[in-house]
N, C-alpha and C. Protein backbone atom coordinates (compact mmCIF):
# COMPACT_ATOMS: atom_id res chain seq x y z
N UNK A 1 21.47 20.89 3.72
CA UNK A 1 21.59 19.57 3.16
C UNK A 1 21.71 19.70 1.65
N UNK A 2 22.62 18.99 1.07
CA UNK A 2 22.80 19.00 -0.38
C UNK A 2 21.75 18.14 -1.06
N UNK A 3 21.77 18.13 -2.34
CA UNK A 3 20.83 17.34 -3.11
C UNK A 3 21.11 15.86 -2.94
N UNK A 4 20.05 15.08 -2.79
CA UNK A 4 20.17 13.63 -2.71
C UNK A 4 19.90 12.98 -4.07
N UNK A 5 19.39 13.76 -4.99
CA UNK A 5 19.00 13.24 -6.29
C UNK A 5 20.21 12.68 -7.04
N UNK A 6 20.01 11.52 -7.63
CA UNK A 6 21.05 10.91 -8.45
C UNK A 6 22.11 10.16 -7.67
N UNK A 7 21.90 9.95 -6.40
CA UNK A 7 22.92 9.32 -5.57
C UNK A 7 22.71 7.84 -5.34
N UNK A 8 21.63 7.28 -5.83
CA UNK A 8 21.30 5.89 -5.50
C UNK A 8 21.51 4.92 -6.66
N UNK A 9 21.61 5.40 -7.86
CA UNK A 9 21.82 4.53 -9.01
C UNK A 9 20.63 3.66 -9.36
N UNK A 10 19.43 4.19 -9.18
CA UNK A 10 18.23 3.43 -9.52
C UNK A 10 18.16 3.19 -11.02
N UNK A 11 17.48 2.12 -11.45
CA UNK A 11 17.36 1.84 -12.88
C UNK A 11 16.74 2.99 -13.68
N UNK A 12 15.80 3.69 -13.07
CA UNK A 12 15.16 4.83 -13.74
C UNK A 12 15.54 6.10 -12.97
N UNK A 13 16.41 6.92 -13.55
CA UNK A 13 16.83 8.15 -12.85
C UNK A 13 15.67 9.06 -12.45
N UNK A 14 14.54 8.94 -13.14
CA UNK A 14 13.37 9.75 -12.81
C UNK A 14 12.73 9.34 -11.48
N UNK A 15 13.18 8.22 -10.89
CA UNK A 15 12.67 7.78 -9.60
C UNK A 15 13.56 8.20 -8.43
N UNK A 16 14.69 8.79 -8.73
CA UNK A 16 15.64 9.17 -7.68
C UNK A 16 14.99 10.10 -6.64
N UNK A 17 14.16 11.03 -7.09
CA UNK A 17 13.54 11.96 -6.15
C UNK A 17 12.61 11.26 -5.17
N UNK A 18 11.99 10.15 -5.60
CA UNK A 18 11.10 9.40 -4.71
C UNK A 18 11.90 8.80 -3.57
N UNK A 19 13.02 8.17 -3.90
CA UNK A 19 13.87 7.58 -2.87
C UNK A 19 14.49 8.66 -1.99
N UNK A 20 14.91 9.75 -2.58
CA UNK A 20 15.48 10.86 -1.79
C UNK A 20 14.45 11.37 -0.79
N UNK A 21 13.21 11.51 -1.21
CA UNK A 21 12.15 11.97 -0.30
C UNK A 21 11.94 10.97 0.83
N UNK A 22 11.96 9.68 0.50
CA UNK A 22 11.80 8.64 1.53
C UNK A 22 12.92 8.72 2.56
N UNK A 23 14.13 8.96 2.09
CA UNK A 23 15.28 9.09 3.01
C UNK A 23 15.10 10.31 3.90
N UNK A 24 14.75 11.44 3.31
CA UNK A 24 14.63 12.69 4.06
C UNK A 24 13.58 12.58 5.16
N UNK A 25 12.45 11.94 4.87
CA UNK A 25 11.37 11.85 5.87
C UNK A 25 11.50 10.64 6.78
N UNK A 26 12.49 9.79 6.53
CA UNK A 26 12.68 8.61 7.37
C UNK A 26 11.64 7.52 7.14
N UNK A 27 11.15 7.41 5.91
CA UNK A 27 10.16 6.39 5.59
C UNK A 27 10.76 5.00 5.69
N UNK A 28 9.93 4.04 6.03
CA UNK A 28 10.36 2.66 6.07
C UNK A 28 10.06 1.93 4.79
N UNK A 29 9.20 2.52 3.96
CA UNK A 29 8.80 1.84 2.73
C UNK A 29 8.44 2.84 1.65
N UNK A 30 8.61 2.39 0.42
CA UNK A 30 8.10 3.08 -0.76
C UNK A 30 7.02 2.16 -1.30
N UNK A 31 5.80 2.67 -1.39
CA UNK A 31 4.67 1.87 -1.87
C UNK A 31 4.50 2.17 -3.35
N UNK A 32 4.66 1.12 -4.17
CA UNK A 32 4.65 1.32 -5.62
C UNK A 32 4.29 0.03 -6.34
N UNK A 33 3.69 0.19 -7.51
CA UNK A 33 3.49 -0.96 -8.40
C UNK A 33 4.77 -1.26 -9.16
N UNK A 34 5.68 -0.33 -9.20
CA UNK A 34 6.93 -0.47 -9.96
C UNK A 34 8.08 -0.94 -9.07
N UNK A 35 7.91 -2.11 -8.49
CA UNK A 35 8.93 -2.67 -7.58
C UNK A 35 10.28 -2.76 -8.27
N UNK A 36 10.29 -3.11 -9.54
CA UNK A 36 11.54 -3.24 -10.29
C UNK A 36 12.32 -1.94 -10.40
N UNK A 37 11.65 -0.82 -10.20
CA UNK A 37 12.33 0.47 -10.26
C UNK A 37 13.11 0.76 -8.98
N UNK A 38 12.84 -0.03 -7.94
CA UNK A 38 13.47 0.19 -6.63
C UNK A 38 14.08 -1.11 -6.10
N UNK A 39 15.12 -1.62 -6.76
CA UNK A 39 15.72 -2.88 -6.31
C UNK A 39 16.28 -2.73 -4.89
N UNK A 40 16.05 -3.75 -4.08
CA UNK A 40 16.49 -3.70 -2.68
C UNK A 40 17.98 -3.41 -2.56
N UNK A 41 18.75 -3.89 -3.52
CA UNK A 41 20.20 -3.67 -3.47
C UNK A 41 20.58 -2.19 -3.60
N UNK A 42 19.68 -1.38 -4.11
CA UNK A 42 19.94 0.06 -4.28
C UNK A 42 19.32 0.90 -3.17
N UNK A 43 18.50 0.28 -2.32
CA UNK A 43 17.81 1.04 -1.28
C UNK A 43 18.64 1.09 0.00
N UNK A 44 18.63 2.23 0.67
CA UNK A 44 19.35 2.31 1.96
C UNK A 44 18.74 1.34 2.98
N UNK A 45 19.54 0.94 3.94
CA UNK A 45 19.05 0.07 5.01
C UNK A 45 17.85 0.72 5.69
N UNK A 46 16.82 -0.08 5.92
CA UNK A 46 15.64 0.43 6.60
C UNK A 46 14.53 0.87 5.68
N UNK A 47 14.77 0.87 4.38
CA UNK A 47 13.72 1.22 3.41
C UNK A 47 13.52 0.03 2.50
N UNK A 48 12.26 -0.33 2.28
CA UNK A 48 11.94 -1.38 1.33
C UNK A 48 10.89 -0.89 0.36
N UNK A 49 10.84 -1.50 -0.80
CA UNK A 49 9.80 -1.19 -1.78
C UNK A 49 8.76 -2.30 -1.69
N UNK A 50 7.50 -1.91 -1.52
CA UNK A 50 6.42 -2.88 -1.43
C UNK A 50 5.26 -2.45 -2.32
N UNK A 51 4.46 -3.42 -2.71
CA UNK A 51 3.30 -3.13 -3.55
C UNK A 51 2.17 -2.58 -2.68
N UNK A 52 1.21 -1.89 -3.30
CA UNK A 52 0.05 -1.43 -2.53
C UNK A 52 -0.69 -2.59 -1.85
N UNK A 53 -0.79 -3.74 -2.52
CA UNK A 53 -1.47 -4.88 -1.91
C UNK A 53 -0.73 -5.38 -0.67
N UNK A 54 0.60 -5.40 -0.73
CA UNK A 54 1.39 -5.81 0.42
C UNK A 54 1.25 -4.79 1.56
N UNK A 55 1.25 -3.51 1.22
CA UNK A 55 1.05 -2.47 2.21
C UNK A 55 -0.31 -2.63 2.89
N UNK A 56 -1.34 -2.89 2.09
CA UNK A 56 -2.67 -3.09 2.65
C UNK A 56 -2.70 -4.30 3.59
N UNK A 57 -2.09 -5.39 3.19
CA UNK A 57 -2.06 -6.59 4.03
C UNK A 57 -1.32 -6.31 5.34
N UNK A 58 -0.19 -5.63 5.26
CA UNK A 58 0.56 -5.29 6.47
C UNK A 58 -0.27 -4.41 7.40
N UNK A 59 -0.98 -3.46 6.82
CA UNK A 59 -1.79 -2.53 7.60
C UNK A 59 -2.97 -3.24 8.25
N UNK A 60 -3.66 -4.07 7.48
CA UNK A 60 -4.80 -4.81 8.01
C UNK A 60 -4.36 -5.78 9.11
N UNK A 61 -3.18 -6.39 8.95
CA UNK A 61 -2.69 -7.35 9.94
C UNK A 61 -2.47 -6.70 11.31
N UNK A 62 -2.19 -5.41 11.34
CA UNK A 62 -1.98 -4.72 12.61
C UNK A 62 -3.26 -4.74 13.45
N UNK A 63 -4.41 -4.55 12.81
CA UNK A 63 -5.68 -4.51 13.54
C UNK A 63 -6.82 -4.91 12.59
N UNK A 64 -7.00 -6.23 12.38
CA UNK A 64 -8.03 -6.69 11.44
C UNK A 64 -9.44 -6.24 11.80
N UNK A 65 -9.73 -6.15 13.08
CA UNK A 65 -11.08 -5.73 13.50
C UNK A 65 -11.33 -4.29 13.06
N UNK A 66 -10.36 -3.43 13.27
CA UNK A 66 -10.51 -2.03 12.86
C UNK A 66 -10.66 -1.94 11.34
N UNK A 67 -9.94 -2.79 10.61
CA UNK A 67 -10.06 -2.80 9.15
C UNK A 67 -11.48 -3.21 8.74
N UNK A 68 -12.04 -4.20 9.43
CA UNK A 68 -13.42 -4.62 9.13
C UNK A 68 -14.41 -3.51 9.45
N UNK A 69 -14.17 -2.78 10.52
CA UNK A 69 -15.03 -1.64 10.88
C UNK A 69 -14.95 -0.58 9.78
N UNK A 70 -13.77 -0.36 9.24
CA UNK A 70 -13.62 0.62 8.15
C UNK A 70 -14.40 0.18 6.92
N UNK A 71 -14.35 -1.10 6.59
CA UNK A 71 -15.11 -1.61 5.43
C UNK A 71 -16.60 -1.44 5.69
N UNK A 72 -17.05 -1.71 6.91
CA UNK A 72 -18.46 -1.52 7.25
C UNK A 72 -18.86 -0.06 7.09
N UNK A 73 -17.99 0.85 7.48
CA UNK A 73 -18.28 2.28 7.33
C UNK A 73 -18.38 2.66 5.86
N UNK A 74 -17.50 2.10 5.04
CA UNK A 74 -17.56 2.37 3.60
C UNK A 74 -18.88 1.85 3.03
N UNK A 75 -19.28 0.65 3.44
CA UNK A 75 -20.54 0.07 2.96
C UNK A 75 -21.73 0.93 3.39
N UNK A 76 -21.68 1.46 4.61
CA UNK A 76 -22.80 2.27 5.09
C UNK A 76 -22.93 3.58 4.33
N UNK A 77 -21.82 4.05 3.76
CA UNK A 77 -21.85 5.29 2.97
C UNK A 77 -22.10 5.03 1.49
N UNK A 78 -22.04 3.78 1.08
CA UNK A 78 -22.24 3.51 -0.35
C UNK A 78 -23.69 3.81 -0.70
N UNK A 79 -23.92 4.02 -1.96
CA UNK A 79 -25.25 4.36 -2.40
C UNK A 79 -25.47 5.85 -2.56
N UNK A 80 -24.58 6.64 -2.03
CA UNK A 80 -24.72 8.10 -2.17
C UNK A 80 -24.41 8.57 -3.58
N UNK A 81 -23.44 7.92 -4.20
CA UNK A 81 -23.04 8.32 -5.56
C UNK A 81 -23.07 7.12 -6.50
N UNK A 82 -23.88 6.16 -6.20
CA UNK A 82 -23.96 4.97 -7.02
C UNK A 82 -24.73 3.91 -6.26
N UNK A 83 -24.70 2.69 -6.77
CA UNK A 83 -25.45 1.63 -6.10
C UNK A 83 -24.89 1.29 -4.71
N UNK A 84 -25.78 0.90 -3.83
CA UNK A 84 -25.36 0.46 -2.50
C UNK A 84 -24.58 -0.84 -2.62
N UNK A 85 -23.52 -0.95 -1.82
CA UNK A 85 -22.69 -2.15 -1.83
C UNK A 85 -22.62 -2.71 -0.42
N UNK A 86 -22.66 -4.03 -0.34
CA UNK A 86 -22.51 -4.70 0.95
C UNK A 86 -21.03 -4.76 1.32
N UNK A 87 -20.77 -5.11 2.56
CA UNK A 87 -19.38 -5.27 2.99
C UNK A 87 -18.70 -6.35 2.14
N UNK A 88 -19.41 -7.42 1.87
CA UNK A 88 -18.83 -8.50 1.07
C UNK A 88 -18.53 -8.04 -0.36
N UNK A 89 -19.39 -7.22 -0.93
CA UNK A 89 -19.13 -6.68 -2.26
C UNK A 89 -17.90 -5.78 -2.27
N UNK A 90 -17.73 -5.01 -1.22
CA UNK A 90 -16.55 -4.15 -1.13
C UNK A 90 -15.29 -4.99 -1.01
N UNK A 91 -15.34 -6.04 -0.20
CA UNK A 91 -14.18 -6.93 -0.10
C UNK A 91 -13.86 -7.57 -1.45
N UNK A 92 -14.90 -7.96 -2.17
CA UNK A 92 -14.69 -8.54 -3.51
C UNK A 92 -14.03 -7.52 -4.45
N UNK A 93 -14.42 -6.27 -4.36
CA UNK A 93 -13.79 -5.21 -5.18
C UNK A 93 -12.31 -5.08 -4.81
N UNK A 94 -12.01 -5.10 -3.52
CA UNK A 94 -10.61 -5.01 -3.09
C UNK A 94 -9.77 -6.14 -3.68
N UNK A 95 -10.35 -7.32 -3.77
CA UNK A 95 -9.63 -8.47 -4.34
C UNK A 95 -9.55 -8.35 -5.85
N UNK A 96 -10.69 -8.18 -6.50
CA UNK A 96 -10.74 -8.25 -7.96
C UNK A 96 -10.19 -7.03 -8.68
N UNK A 97 -10.39 -5.86 -8.13
CA UNK A 97 -9.93 -4.64 -8.79
C UNK A 97 -8.52 -4.25 -8.36
N UNK A 98 -8.22 -4.48 -7.07
CA UNK A 98 -6.95 -3.98 -6.53
C UNK A 98 -5.97 -5.07 -6.11
N UNK A 99 -6.36 -6.32 -6.26
CA UNK A 99 -5.45 -7.43 -5.96
C UNK A 99 -5.10 -7.55 -4.49
N UNK A 100 -5.94 -7.07 -3.61
CA UNK A 100 -5.65 -7.08 -2.18
C UNK A 100 -6.12 -8.39 -1.54
N UNK A 101 -5.67 -9.48 -2.10
CA UNK A 101 -6.10 -10.82 -1.69
C UNK A 101 -5.77 -11.08 -0.23
N UNK A 102 -4.53 -10.90 0.16
CA UNK A 102 -4.11 -11.20 1.53
C UNK A 102 -4.80 -10.30 2.55
N UNK A 103 -4.95 -9.03 2.26
CA UNK A 103 -5.63 -8.12 3.19
C UNK A 103 -7.06 -8.58 3.43
N UNK A 104 -7.74 -8.99 2.38
CA UNK A 104 -9.12 -9.45 2.51
C UNK A 104 -9.17 -10.79 3.24
N UNK A 105 -8.23 -11.67 2.98
CA UNK A 105 -8.18 -12.94 3.72
C UNK A 105 -8.05 -12.70 5.22
N UNK A 106 -7.20 -11.75 5.57
CA UNK A 106 -7.00 -11.43 6.99
C UNK A 106 -8.30 -10.89 7.60
N UNK A 107 -8.98 -10.01 6.88
CA UNK A 107 -10.24 -9.46 7.40
C UNK A 107 -11.30 -10.54 7.51
N UNK A 108 -11.40 -11.39 6.52
CA UNK A 108 -12.42 -12.45 6.56
C UNK A 108 -12.16 -13.45 7.68
N UNK A 109 -10.91 -13.65 8.04
CA UNK A 109 -10.56 -14.60 9.12
C UNK A 109 -10.76 -13.99 10.51
N UNK A 110 -10.83 -12.66 10.59
CA UNK A 110 -10.99 -12.01 11.89
C UNK A 110 -12.41 -12.23 12.41
N UNK A 111 -12.53 -12.28 13.74
CA UNK A 111 -13.89 -12.49 14.33
C UNK A 111 -14.83 -11.34 14.05
């Protein structure tokens, strides 16, 4: 296989390798805060650029109960290297520090 670098015309040529890697591995998404670096018009069919918060929401939506179990596990391990945090405190961190508003809404709405 020849080089894929430089074949997509992205706004930042330094991002070409990221898209080339996504193509080679058959990824469906590039998860990035720099959405503007990966305009949909430049991406091959089947690949989209999404933010980490959107990725988290999509992942949580697949199985909100499992996501809540994961947060509970994180809370149970907290306190080992700092103060103990409740599940609700961890959810608040996900919202306030990481902007994962929709992912947390989905978890809070789950039974």
